[in-house]
Amino acid sequence: MQQVVHQPSSGIELQAKHSFLQWMLMFVSPVVMINGQKVTARWGNHFIPLAAGQYDVMVYFPWFFQQANKARSAVTVYDGHVTGLSYSTAFLTFMSGSLRDLGSRPFA
């Protein structure tokens, strides 16, 4: 008997980046919260499979017991599509980061 494996057909593709001058951020990972649930992430490109719907996305990185460079956005994921997001840190940790919606494309 063969087991059917369902591949994700929609989700968020997150690009998390920081300046090369912030090299010490290589020792921490960004934190992604989707509707209040923590999702494991890393610097660089990361795909998060999600069903179609509206999501509250927040990204930050932990720094001395604080949520540094926090950025938040409401994101819509369409069935069979990938919604692109780009998170960029600000140079100073007490400033807000940037979370941009890069649009939606069909899942390939």
Protein backbone atom coordinates (compact mmCIF):
# COMPACT_ATOMS: atom_id res chain seq x y z
CA MET A 1 0.00 0.00 0.00
CA GLN A 2 1.39 3.40 -1.01
CA GLN A 3 1.16 6.34 1.28
CA VAL A 4 -0.01 9.61 -0.25
CA VAL A 5 2.10 12.59 0.77
CA HIS A 6 0.39 15.95 0.38
CA GLN A 7 2.79 18.67 -0.68
CA PRO A 8 2.01 22.22 0.43
CA SER A 9 0.40 24.23 -2.34
CA SER A 10 0.42 27.66 -0.69
CA GLY A 11 2.32 29.62 1.92
CA ILE A 12 4.70 32.46 2.66
CA GLU A 13 8.23 32.82 1.32
CA LEU A 14 10.16 34.98 3.78
CA GLN A 15 13.44 36.69 2.93
CA ALA A 16 15.06 37.68 6.24
CA LYS A 17 18.17 39.82 5.90
CA HIS A 18 20.45 42.11 7.83
CA SER A 19 23.38 44.34 6.98
CA PHE A 20 26.83 42.75 6.77
CA LEU A 21 27.87 45.30 9.41
CA GLN A 22 25.50 43.54 11.80
CA TRP A 23 27.59 40.34 11.66
CA MET A 24 26.76 39.55 15.29
CA LEU A 25 23.19 38.75 14.21
CA MET A 26 24.56 35.55 12.69
CA PHE A 27 24.54 34.21 16.26
CA VAL A 28 20.76 34.68 16.68
CA SER A 29 17.87 33.58 14.51
CA PRO A 30 14.93 35.75 13.55
CA VAL A 31 11.65 34.91 15.24
CA VAL A 32 8.53 34.66 13.08
CA MET A 33 5.12 34.77 14.75
CA ILE A 34 2.11 33.86 12.62
CA ASN A 35 -1.22 34.49 14.34
CA GLY A 36 0.64 34.32 17.66
CA GLN A 37 2.32 30.98 16.92
CA LYS A 38 6.12 30.84 16.79
CA VAL A 39 7.58 29.46 13.55
CA THR A 40 11.21 28.34 13.26
CA ALA A 41 13.13 30.53 10.83
CA ARG A 42 16.64 31.53 9.85
CA TRP A 43 18.38 34.35 8.01
CA GLY A 44 17.99 34.05 4.26
CA ASN A 45 15.07 32.58 2.32
CA HIS A 46 12.56 30.44 4.17
CA PHE A 47 9.28 28.86 3.00
CA ILE A 48 6.45 28.53 5.50
CA PRO A 49 3.59 26.32 4.24
CA LEU A 50 0.17 27.74 5.12
CA ALA A 51 -3.40 27.22 4.02
CA ALA A 52 -5.14 30.02 2.17
CA GLY A 53 -6.32 32.79 4.48
CA GLN A 54 -5.48 36.03 6.28
CA TYR A 55 -2.52 35.99 8.67
CA ASP A 56 -0.95 38.38 11.17
CA VAL A 57 2.82 38.08 10.68
CA MET A 58 5.38 39.54 13.08
CA VAL A 59 9.16 39.21 12.74
CA TYR A 60 11.91 40.27 15.16
CA PHE A 61 15.17 39.00 16.55
CA PRO A 62 15.99 38.43 20.22
CA TRP A 63 18.59 40.82 21.60
CA PHE A 64 19.42 41.07 25.30
CA PHE A 65 15.99 39.74 26.33
CA GLN A 66 14.16 42.18 24.04
CA GLN A 67 12.30 41.93 20.74
CA ALA A 68 14.58 44.00 18.54
CA ASN A 69 13.63 45.46 15.14
CA LYS A 70 10.06 44.22 15.41
CA ALA A 71 7.96 44.46 12.24
CA ARG A 72 4.35 43.39 11.73
CA SER A 73 2.00 43.03 8.76
CA ALA A 74 -1.35 41.52 7.79
CA VAL A 75 -0.77 39.07 4.93
CA THR A 76 -3.20 37.29 2.62
CA VAL A 77 -2.26 33.85 1.29
CA TYR A 78 -4.26 32.66 -1.71
CA ASP A 79 -4.93 29.01 -2.51
CA GLY A 80 -2.21 27.65 -4.81
CA HIS A 81 -0.07 30.79 -4.42
CA VAL A 82 3.04 31.87 -2.53
CA THR A 83 3.06 35.29 -0.90
CA GLY A 84 6.51 36.86 -0.71
CA LEU A 85 7.64 38.85 2.33
CA SER A 86 10.94 40.64 2.88
CA TYR A 87 12.14 41.39 6.42
CA SER A 88 15.06 43.80 6.82
CA THR A 89 16.60 44.92 10.07
CA ALA A 90 17.21 48.54 10.96
CA PHE A 91 20.77 49.46 11.89
CA LEU A 92 19.87 50.36 15.49
CA THR A 93 18.22 47.66 17.60
CA PHE A 94 15.62 49.96 19.20
CA MET A 95 14.21 50.95 15.80
CA SER A 96 11.50 49.05 13.91
CA GLY A 97 12.46 46.60 11.22
CA SER A 98 10.85 46.55 7.78
CA LEU A 99 8.41 43.87 6.59
CA ARG A 100 7.41 44.35 2.96
CA ASP A 101 4.83 42.40 0.98
CA LEU A 102 6.44 41.31 -2.31
CA GLY A 103 3.17 40.13 -3.82
CA SER A 104 1.75 36.76 -4.68
CA ARG A 105 2.76 34.27 -7.37
CA PRO A 106 1.45 30.83 -8.36
CA PHE A 107 3.00 27.94 -6.44
CA ALA A 108 5.57 26.21 -8.67
